[in-house]
C-alpha cells in the first residue's frame, strides 16, 4: 500500500523522540532482527505496548494504517493510549 513503509519508519522516529535514550529503538531493532530474522516484525495484538520490540511497535502502527486507520479495535487502542499521547510506557486499555 502506498505510504505504508513511510508510516513504519515514522514509527521509528516516534520511538526515538519519546524514548529516554534516543537510539534505544536502533539497538532494539538490530538485536531482534539478528535474533529473530524477519519474524522480528511479527506481533499478536493484545499485549501492552511496552512489551513489543521496536520493529513490532512500528509494524503495529503500519498495520493500523493499512487497515484504514480504524477508530476501534486493539490496534486503535495502541494509537489512543500510547502513540498519540506520546506515552510509550503507559498502560494500553483495550
PDB file of N, CA and C in Angstrom:
ATOM      1  N   UNK A   1       0.855  -1.186   0.000  1.00  0.00           N
ATOM      2  CA  UNK A   1       0.000   0.000   0.000  1.00  0.00           C
ATOM      3  C   UNK A   1       0.897   1.245   0.000  1.00  0.00           C
ATOM      4  N   UNK A   2       0.584   2.217  -0.822  1.00  0.00           N
ATOM      5  CA  UNK A   2       1.392   3.432  -0.837  1.00  0.00           C
ATOM      6  C   UNK A   2       1.451   4.083   0.550  1.00  0.00           C
ATOM      7  N   UNK A   3       2.624   4.421   0.968  1.00  0.00           N
ATOM      8  CA  UNK A   3       2.809   5.109   2.240  1.00  0.00           C
ATOM      9  C   UNK A   3       3.071   4.212   3.431  1.00  0.00           C
ATOM     10  N   UNK A   4       2.887   2.901   3.306  1.00  0.00           N
ATOM     11  CA  UNK A   4       2.998   2.042   4.484  1.00  0.00           C
ATOM     12  C   UNK A   4       4.424   1.962   5.024  1.00  0.00           C
ATOM     13  N   UNK A   5       5.418   1.941   4.147  1.00  0.00           N
ATOM     14  CA  UNK A   5       6.805   1.906   4.623  1.00  0.00           C
ATOM     15  C   UNK A   5       7.147   3.237   5.301  1.00  0.00           C
ATOM     16  N   UNK A   6       6.671   4.321   4.720  1.00  0.00           N
ATOM     17  CA  UNK A   6       6.870   5.643   5.325  1.00  0.00           C
ATOM     18  C   UNK A   6       6.278   5.696   6.729  1.00  0.00           C
ATOM     19  N   UNK A   7       5.067   5.176   6.887  1.00  0.00           N
ATOM     20  CA  UNK A   7       4.404   5.156   8.196  1.00  0.00           C
ATOM     21  C   UNK A   7       5.206   4.301   9.178  1.00  0.00           C
ATOM     22  N   UNK A   8       5.701   3.156   8.710  1.00  0.00           N
ATOM     23  CA  UNK A   8       6.528   2.287   9.558  1.00  0.00           C
ATOM     24  C   UNK A   8       7.761   3.050  10.049  1.00  0.00           C
ATOM     25  N   UNK A   9       8.428   3.728   9.140  1.00  0.00           N
ATOM     26  CA  UNK A   9       9.644   4.467   9.511  1.00  0.00           C
ATOM     27  C   UNK A   9       9.323   5.662  10.403  1.00  0.00           C
ATOM     28  N   UNK A  10       8.176   6.297  10.207  1.00  0.00           N
ATOM     29  CA  UNK A  10       7.756   7.366  11.118  1.00  0.00           C
ATOM     30  C   UNK A  10       7.539   6.821  12.529  1.00  0.00           C
ATOM     31  N   UNK A  11       7.121   5.557  12.608  1.00  0.00           N
ATOM     32  CA  UNK A  11       7.013   4.917  13.919  1.00  0.00           C
ATOM     33  C   UNK A  11       8.360   4.896  14.627  1.00  0.00           C
ATOM     34  N   UNK A  12       9.427   4.677  13.886  1.00  0.00           N
ATOM     35  CA  UNK A  12      10.766   4.692  14.482  1.00  0.00           C
ATOM     36  C   UNK A  12      11.176   6.106  14.898  1.00  0.00           C
ATOM     37  N   UNK A  13      10.781   7.090  14.134  1.00  0.00           N
ATOM     38  CA  UNK A  13      11.044   8.484  14.538  1.00  0.00           C
ATOM     39  C   UNK A  13      10.331   8.758  15.854  1.00  0.00           C
ATOM     40  N   UNK A  14       9.089   8.324  15.961  1.00  0.00           N
ATOM     41  CA  UNK A  14       8.314   8.488  17.195  1.00  0.00           C
ATOM     42  C   UNK A  14       9.037   7.817  18.361  1.00  0.00           C
ATOM     43  N   UNK A  15       9.539   6.596  18.140  1.00  0.00           N
ATOM     44  CA  UNK A  15      10.248   5.865  19.190  1.00  0.00           C
ATOM     45  C   UNK A  15      11.472   6.640  19.664  1.00  0.00           C
ATOM     46  N   UNK A  16      12.238   7.167  18.723  1.00  0.00           N
ATOM     47  CA  UNK A  16      13.421   7.936  19.097  1.00  0.00           C
ATOM     48  C   UNK A  16      13.077   9.196  19.877  1.00  0.00           C
ATOM     49  N   UNK A  17      12.014   9.861  19.466  1.00  0.00           N
ATOM     50  CA  UNK A  17      11.610  11.099  20.118  1.00  0.00           C
ATOM     51  C   UNK A  17      11.078  10.861  21.528  1.00  0.00           C
ATOM     52  N   UNK A  18      10.357   9.768  21.731  1.00  0.00           N
ATOM     53  CA  UNK A  18       9.704   9.510  23.012  1.00  0.00           C
ATOM     54  C   UNK A  18      10.458   8.525  23.898  1.00  0.00           C
ATOM     55  N   UNK A  19      11.688   8.264  23.579  1.00  0.00           N
ATOM     56  CA  UNK A  19      12.493   7.340  24.372  1.00  0.00           C
ATOM     57  C   UNK A  19      13.432   8.124  25.279  1.00  0.00           C
ATOM     58  N   UNK A  20      13.700   7.589  26.455  1.00  0.00           N
ATOM     59  CA  UNK A  20      14.654   8.227  27.363  1.00  0.00           C
ATOM     60  C   UNK A  20      16.045   8.234  26.732  1.00  0.00           C
ATOM     61  N   UNK A  21      16.349   7.200  25.975  1.00  0.00           N
ATOM     62  CA  UNK A  21      17.610   7.083  25.253  1.00  0.00           C
ATOM     63  C   UNK A  21      17.260   7.083  23.769  1.00  0.00           C
ATOM     64  N   UNK A  22      17.568   8.170  23.086  1.00  0.00           N
ATOM     65  CA  UNK A  22      17.116   8.392  21.717  1.00  0.00           C
ATOM     66  C   UNK A  22      17.384   7.226  20.777  1.00  0.00           C
ATOM     67  N   UNK A  23      18.507   6.564  20.917  1.00  0.00           N
ATOM     68  CA  UNK A  23      18.879   5.493  19.984  1.00  0.00           C
ATOM     69  C   UNK A  23      18.449   4.115  20.468  1.00  0.00           C
ATOM     70  N   UNK A  24      17.613   4.036  21.519  1.00  0.00           N
ATOM     71  CA  UNK A  24      17.150   2.749  22.036  1.00  0.00           C
ATOM     72  C   UNK A  24      16.557   1.893  20.927  1.00  0.00           C
ATOM     73  N   UNK A  25      15.694   2.492  20.119  1.00  0.00           N
ATOM     74  CA  UNK A  25      14.988   1.699  19.110  1.00  0.00           C
ATOM     75  C   UNK A  25      15.956   1.105  18.086  1.00  0.00           C
ATOM     76  N   UNK A  26      17.071   1.781  17.807  1.00  0.00           N
ATOM     77  CA  UNK A  26      18.043   1.251  16.845  1.00  0.00           C
ATOM     78  C   UNK A  26      18.668  -0.028  17.393  1.00  0.00           C
ATOM     79  N   UNK A  27      19.126   0.013  18.621  1.00  0.00           N
ATOM     80  CA  UNK A  27      19.735  -1.167  19.225  1.00  0.00           C
ATOM     81  C   UNK A  27      18.716  -2.293  19.399  1.00  0.00           C
ATOM     82  N   UNK A  28      17.513  -1.934  19.810  1.00  0.00           N
ATOM     83  CA  UNK A  28      16.451  -2.926  19.970  1.00  0.00           C
ATOM     84  C   UNK A  28      16.134  -3.579  18.629  1.00  0.00           C
ATOM     85  N   UNK A  29      16.024  -2.779  17.595  1.00  0.00           N
ATOM     86  CA  UNK A  29      15.721  -3.291  16.265  1.00  0.00           C
ATOM     87  C   UNK A  29      16.822  -4.225  15.765  1.00  0.00           C
ATOM     88  N   UNK A  30      18.058  -3.817  15.900  1.00  0.00           N
ATOM     89  CA  UNK A  30      19.182  -4.651  15.450  1.00  0.00           C
ATOM     90  C   UNK A  30      19.205  -5.970  16.204  1.00  0.00           C
ATOM     91  N   UNK A  31      19.049  -5.899  17.527  1.00  0.00           N
ATOM     92  CA  UNK A  31      19.079  -7.112  18.343  1.00  0.00           C
ATOM     93  C   UNK A  31      18.023  -8.118  17.874  1.00  0.00           C
ATOM     94  N   UNK A  32      16.771  -7.655  17.756  1.00  0.00           N
ATOM     95  CA  UNK A  32      15.690  -8.574  17.396  1.00  0.00           C
ATOM     96  C   UNK A  32      15.767  -9.042  15.945  1.00  0.00           C
ATOM     97  N   UNK A  33      16.286  -8.217  15.057  1.00  0.00           N
ATOM     98  CA  UNK A  33      16.445  -8.667  13.675  1.00  0.00           C
ATOM     99  C   UNK A  33      17.517  -9.745  13.570  1.00  0.00           C
ATOM    100  N   UNK A  34      18.586  -9.609  14.360  1.00  0.00           N
ATOM    101  CA  UNK A  34      19.636 -10.632  14.370  1.00  0.00           C
ATOM    102  C   UNK A  34      19.116 -11.902  15.040  1.00  0.00           C
ATOM    103  N   UNK A  35      18.429 -11.744  16.172  1.00  0.00           N
ATOM    104  CA  UNK A  35      17.946 -12.902  16.929  1.00  0.00           C
ATOM    105  C   UNK A  35      16.765 -13.607  16.267  1.00  0.00           C
ATOM    106  N   UNK A  36      15.884 -12.843  15.616  1.00  0.00           N
ATOM    107  CA  UNK A  36      14.633 -13.413  15.115  1.00  0.00           C
ATOM    108  C   UNK A  36      14.474 -13.355  13.600  1.00  0.00           C
ATOM    109  N   UNK A  37      15.356 -12.686  12.911  1.00  0.00           N
ATOM    110  CA  UNK A  37      15.223 -12.552  11.463  1.00  0.00           C
ATOM    111  C   UNK A  37      13.967 -11.779  11.092  1.00  0.00           C
ATOM    112  N   UNK A  38      13.305 -12.217  10.051  1.00  0.00           N
ATOM    113  CA  UNK A  38      12.119 -11.497   9.579  1.00  0.00           C
ATOM    114  C   UNK A  38      10.947 -11.570  10.561  1.00  0.00           C
ATOM    115  N   UNK A  39      10.977 -12.507  11.489  1.00  0.00           N
ATOM    116  CA  UNK A  39       9.885 -12.586  12.471  1.00  0.00           C
ATOM    117  C   UNK A  39       9.983 -11.482  13.528  1.00  0.00           C
ATOM    118  N   UNK A  40      11.031 -10.680  13.492  1.00  0.00           N
ATOM    119  CA  UNK A  40      11.160  -9.549  14.418  1.00  0.00           C
ATOM    120  C   UNK A  40      10.021  -8.550  14.234  1.00  0.00           C
ATOM    121  N   UNK A  41       9.371  -8.600  13.076  1.00  0.00           N
ATOM    122  CA  UNK A  41       8.280  -7.683  12.761  1.00  0.00           C
ATOM    123  C   UNK A  41       6.916  -8.238  13.142  1.00  0.00           C
ATOM    124  N   UNK A  42       6.850  -9.515  13.439  1.00  0.00           N
ATOM    125  CA  UNK A  42       5.581 -10.175  13.730  1.00  0.00           C
ATOM    126  C   UNK A  42       5.054  -9.800  15.112  1.00  0.00           C
ATOM    127  N   UNK A  43       3.768  -9.625  15.213  1.00  0.00           N
ATOM    128  CA  UNK A  43       3.153  -9.327  16.507  1.00  0.00           C
ATOM    129  C   UNK A  43       1.770  -9.945  16.567  1.00  0.00           C
ATOM    130  N   UNK A  44       1.325 -10.185  17.765  1.00  0.00           N
ATOM    131  CA  UNK A  44      -0.056 -10.568  18.029  1.00  0.00           C
ATOM    132  C   UNK A  44      -0.604  -9.501  18.967  1.00  0.00           C
ATOM    133  N   UNK A  45      -1.605  -8.796  18.530  1.00  0.00           N
ATOM    134  CA  UNK A  45      -2.176  -7.714  19.331  1.00  0.00           C
ATOM    135  C   UNK A  45      -2.746  -8.252  20.634  1.00  0.00           C
ATOM    136  N   UNK A  46      -2.683  -7.427  21.658  1.00  0.00           N
ATOM    137  CA  UNK A  46      -3.262  -7.790  22.943  1.00  0.00           C
ATOM    138  C   UNK A  46      -2.325  -7.588  24.113  1.00  0.00           C
ATOM    139  N   UNK A  47      -1.036  -7.474  23.850  1.00  0.00           N
ATOM    140  CA  UNK A  47      -0.069  -7.204  24.913  1.00  0.00           C
ATOM    141  C   UNK A  47      -0.016  -5.703  25.173  1.00  0.00           C
ATOM    142  N   UNK A  48       0.649  -5.335  26.239  1.00  0.00           N
ATOM    143  CA  UNK A  48       0.908  -3.932  26.494  1.00  0.00           C
ATOM    144  C   UNK A  48       1.929  -3.422  25.480  1.00  0.00           C
ATOM    145  N   UNK A  49       1.807  -2.172  25.098  1.00  0.00           N
ATOM    146  CA  UNK A  49       2.683  -1.561  24.099  1.00  0.00           C
ATOM    147  C   UNK A  49       4.157  -1.771  24.429  1.00  0.00           C
ATOM    148  N   UNK A  50       4.524  -1.581  25.663  1.00  0.00           N
ATOM    149  CA  UNK A  50       5.938  -1.673  26.061  1.00  0.00           C
ATOM    150  C   UNK A  50       6.490  -3.098  26.006  1.00  0.00           C
ATOM    151  N   UNK A  51       5.639  -4.085  25.814  1.00  0.00           N
ATOM    152  CA  UNK A  51       6.095  -5.474  25.721  1.00  0.00           C
ATOM    153  C   UNK A  51       6.546  -5.848  24.308  1.00  0.00           C
ATOM    154  N   UNK A  52       6.346  -4.963  23.364  1.00  0.00           N
ATOM    155  CA  UNK A  52       6.745  -5.227  21.988  1.00  0.00           C
ATOM    156  C   UNK A  52       8.111  -4.616  21.705  1.00  0.00           C
ATOM    157  N   UNK A  53       8.849  -5.247  20.799  1.00  0.00           N
ATOM    158  CA  UNK A  53      10.123  -4.703  20.345  1.00  0.00           C
ATOM    159  C   UNK A  53       9.895  -3.535  19.392  1.00  0.00           C
ATOM    160  N   UNK A  54      10.986  -2.868  19.032  1.00  0.00           N
ATOM    161  CA  UNK A  54      10.908  -1.686  18.175  1.00  0.00           C
ATOM    162  C   UNK A  54      10.246  -1.974  16.833  1.00  0.00           C
ATOM    163  N   UNK A  55      10.623  -3.073  16.192  1.00  0.00           N
ATOM    164  CA  UNK A  55      10.039  -3.396  14.886  1.00  0.00           C
ATOM    165  C   UNK A  55       8.580  -3.804  15.016  1.00  0.00           C
ATOM    166  N   UNK A  56       8.228  -4.471  16.092  1.00  0.00           N
ATOM    167  CA  UNK A  56       6.835  -4.846  16.308  1.00  0.00           C
ATOM    168  C   UNK A  56       5.969  -3.600  16.507  1.00  0.00           C
ATOM    169  N   UNK A  57       6.458  -2.649  17.298  1.00  0.00           N
ATOM    170  CA  UNK A  57       5.700  -1.414  17.507  1.00  0.00           C
ATOM    171  C   UNK A  57       5.485  -0.675  16.188  1.00  0.00           C
ATOM    172  N   UNK A  58       6.548  -0.551  15.401  1.00  0.00           N
ATOM    173  CA  UNK A  58       6.412   0.131  14.112  1.00  0.00           C
ATOM    174  C   UNK A  58       5.467  -0.647  13.192  1.00  0.00           C
ATOM    175  N   UNK A  59       5.479  -1.963  13.295  1.00  0.00           N
ATOM    176  CA  UNK A  59       4.571  -2.786  12.486  1.00  0.00           C
ATOM    177  C   UNK A  59       3.124  -2.624  12.929  1.00  0.00           C
ATOM    178  N   UNK A  60       2.894  -2.410  14.203  1.00  0.00           N
ATOM    179  CA  UNK A  60       1.535  -2.156  14.702  1.00  0.00           C
ATOM    180  C   UNK A  60       1.003  -0.864  14.097  1.00  0.00           C
ATOM    181  N   UNK A  61       1.819   0.183  14.121  1.00  0.00           N
ATOM    182  CA  UNK A  61       1.417   1.464  13.534  1.00  0.00           C
ATOM    183  C   UNK A  61       1.153   1.288  12.040  1.00  0.00           C
ATOM    184  N   UNK A  62       2.039   0.582  11.372  1.00  0.00           N
ATOM    185  CA  UNK A  62       1.901   0.316   9.939  1.00  0.00           C
ATOM    186  C   UNK A  62       0.611  -0.448   9.644  1.00  0.00           C
ATOM    187  N   UNK A  63       0.321  -1.483  10.422  1.00  0.00           N
ATOM    188  CA  UNK A  63      -0.880  -2.288  10.188  1.00  0.00           C
ATOM    189  C   UNK A  63      -2.147  -1.472  10.426  1.00  0.00           C
ATOM    190  N   UNK A  64      -2.145  -0.624  11.452  1.00  0.00           N
ATOM    191  CA  UNK A  64      -3.288   0.250  11.716  1.00  0.00           C
ATOM    192  C   UNK A  64      -3.544   1.138  10.502  1.00  0.00           C
ATOM    193  N   UNK A  65      -2.465   1.652   9.917  1.00  0.00           N
ATOM    194  CA  UNK A  65      -2.580   2.481   8.712  1.00  0.00           C
ATOM    195  C   UNK A  65      -3.132   1.675   7.536  1.00  0.00           C
ATOM    196  N   UNK A  66      -2.584   0.484   7.307  1.00  0.00           N
ATOM    197  CA  UNK A  66      -3.020  -0.385   6.207  1.00  0.00           C
ATOM    198  C   UNK A  66      -4.499  -0.734   6.346  1.00  0.00           C
ATOM    199  N   UNK A  67      -4.937  -0.941   7.598  1.00  0.00           N
ATOM    200  CA  UNK A  67      -6.335  -1.313   7.856  1.00  0.00           C
ATOM    201  C   UNK A  67      -7.309  -0.151   7.662  1.00  0.00           C
ATOM    202  N   UNK A  68      -6.800   1.022   7.311  1.00  0.00           N
ATOM    203  CA  UNK A  68      -7.680   2.157   7.066  1.00  0.00           C
ATOM    204  C   UNK A  68      -7.849   3.076   8.251  1.00  0.00           C
ATOM    205  N   UNK A  69      -6.932   3.005   9.198  1.00  0.00           N
ATOM    206  CA  UNK A  69      -6.955   3.852  10.392  1.00  0.00           C
ATOM    207  C   UNK A  69      -8.282   3.763  11.141  1.00  0.00           C
ATOM    208  N   UNK A  70      -8.689   2.537  11.494  1.00  0.00           N
ATOM    209  CA  UNK A  70      -9.969   2.381  12.201  1.00  0.00           C
ATOM    210  C   UNK A  70      -9.944   3.062  13.575  1.00  0.00           C
ATOM    211  N   UNK A  71     -11.100   3.486  14.028  1.00  0.00           N
ATOM    212  CA  UNK A  71     -11.177   4.135  15.350  1.00  0.00           C
ATOM    213  C   UNK A  71     -11.763   3.211  16.405  1.00  0.00           C
ATOM    214  N   UNK A  72     -11.518   1.920  16.227  1.00  0.00           N
ATOM    215  CA  UNK A  72     -11.879   0.922  17.235  1.00  0.00           C
ATOM    216  C   UNK A  72     -10.968  -0.280  17.040  1.00  0.00           C
ATOM    217  N   UNK A  73     -10.952  -1.154  18.016  1.00  0.00           N
ATOM    218  CA  UNK A  73     -10.138  -2.360  17.932  1.00  0.00           C
ATOM    219  C   UNK A  73      -8.834  -2.238  18.696  1.00  0.00           C
ATOM    220  N   UNK A  74      -8.111  -3.352  18.751  1.00  0.00           N
ATOM    221  CA  UNK A  74      -6.882  -3.394  19.542  1.00  0.00           C
ATOM    222  C   UNK A  74      -5.794  -2.467  19.003  1.00  0.00           C
ATOM    223  N   UNK A  75      -5.636  -2.394  17.701  1.00  0.00           N
ATOM    224  CA  UNK A  75      -4.605  -1.514  17.157  1.00  0.00           C
ATOM    225  C   UNK A  75      -4.923  -0.052  17.451  1.00  0.00           C
ATOM    226  N   UNK A  76      -6.193   0.295  17.399  1.00  0.00           N
ATOM    227  CA  UNK A  76      -6.598   1.654  17.748  1.00  0.00           C
ATOM    228  C   UNK A  76      -6.255   1.963  19.204  1.00  0.00           C
ATOM    229  N   UNK A  77      -6.381   0.975  20.085  1.00  0.00           N
ATOM    230  CA  UNK A  77      -6.052   1.189  21.498  1.00  0.00           C
ATOM    231  C   UNK A  77      -4.598   1.602  21.670  1.00  0.00           C
ATOM    232  N   UNK A  78      -3.703   1.025  20.871  1.00  0.00           N
ATOM    233  CA  UNK A  78      -2.290   1.418  20.948  1.00  0.00           C
ATOM    234  C   UNK A  78      -2.108   2.863  20.495  1.00  0.00           C
ATOM    235  N   UNK A  79      -2.820   3.228  19.453  1.00  0.00           N
ATOM    236  CA  UNK A  79      -2.724   4.598  18.961  1.00  0.00           C
ATOM    237  C   UNK A  79      -3.242   5.572  20.024  1.00  0.00           C
ATOM    238  N   UNK A  80      -4.411   5.254  20.585  1.00  0.00           N
ATOM    239  CA  UNK A  80      -5.074   6.139  21.540  1.00  0.00           C
ATOM    240  C   UNK A  80      -4.318   6.236  22.871  1.00  0.00           C
ATOM    241  N   UNK A  81      -3.838   5.121  23.371  1.00  0.00           N
ATOM    242  CA  UNK A  81      -3.232   5.096  24.712  1.00  0.00           C
ATOM    243  C   UNK A  81      -1.723   5.382  24.714  1.00  0.00           C
ATOM    244  N   UNK A  82      -1.051   5.070  23.626  1.00  0.00           N
ATOM    245  CA  UNK A  82       0.403   5.158  23.637  1.00  0.00           C
ATOM    246  C   UNK A  82       0.979   6.103  22.592  1.00  0.00           C
ATOM    247  N   UNK A  83       0.609   5.905  21.335  1.00  0.00           N
ATOM    248  CA  UNK A  83       1.252   6.658  20.254  1.00  0.00           C
ATOM    249  C   UNK A  83       0.852   8.125  20.276  1.00  0.00           C
ATOM    250  N   UNK A  84      -0.405   8.420  20.146  1.00  0.00           N
ATOM    251  CA  UNK A  84      -0.834   9.818  20.062  1.00  0.00           C
ATOM    252  C   UNK A  84      -0.452  10.645  21.281  1.00  0.00           C
ATOM    253  N   UNK A  85      -0.626  10.132  22.500  1.00  0.00           N
ATOM    254  CA  UNK A  85      -0.216  10.952  23.648  1.00  0.00           C
ATOM    255  C   UNK A  85       1.295  10.938  23.901  1.00  0.00           C
ATOM    256  N   UNK A  86       2.047  10.133  23.143  1.00  0.00           N
ATOM    257  CA  UNK A  86       3.497  10.089  23.332  1.00  0.00           C
ATOM    258  C   UNK A  86       3.895   9.416  24.625  1.00  0.00           C
ATOM    259  N   UNK A  87       3.197   8.338  24.989  1.00  0.00           N
ATOM    260  CA  UNK A  87       3.437   7.644  26.251  1.00  0.00           C
ATOM    261  C   UNK A  87       3.766   6.175  26.003  1.00  0.00           C
ATOM    262  N   UNK A  88       5.032   5.889  25.685  1.00  0.00           N
ATOM    263  CA  UNK A  88       5.397   4.517  25.358  1.00  0.00           C
ATOM    264  C   UNK A  88       5.304   3.527  26.529  1.00  0.00           C
ATOM    265  N   UNK A  89       5.286   4.026  27.751  1.00  0.00           N
ATOM    266  CA  UNK A  89       5.238   3.124  28.900  1.00  0.00           C
ATOM    267  C   UNK A  89       3.898   3.161  29.641  1.00  0.00           C
ATOM    268  N   UNK A  90       2.941   3.880  29.080  1.00  0.00           N
ATOM    269  CA  UNK A  90       1.607   3.941  29.692  1.00  0.00           C
ATOM    270  C   UNK A  90       0.871   2.621  29.435  1.00  0.00           C
ATOM    271  N   UNK A  91      -0.106   2.370  30.262  1.00  0.00           N
ATOM    272  CA  UNK A  91      -0.935   1.172  30.078  1.00  0.00           C
ATOM    273  C   UNK A  91      -1.778   1.324  28.814  1.00  0.00           C
ATOM    274  N   UNK A  92      -1.972   0.213  28.138  1.00  0.00           N
ATOM    275  CA  UNK A  92      -2.849   0.181  26.963  1.00  0.00           C
ATOM    276  C   UNK A  92      -4.163  -0.431  27.412  1.00  0.00           C
ATOM    277  N   UNK A  93      -5.251   0.304  27.246  1.00  0.00           N
ATOM    278  CA  UNK A  93      -6.572  -0.179  27.641  1.00  0.00           C
ATOM    279  C   UNK A  93      -7.331  -0.612  26.400  1.00  0.00           C
ATOM    280  N   UNK A  94      -7.784  -1.851  26.411  1.00  0.00           N
ATOM    281  CA  UNK A  94      -8.499  -2.425  25.271  1.00  0.00           C
ATOM    282  C   UNK A  94      -9.992  -2.375  25.494  1.00  0.00           C
TER     283      UNK A  94
END
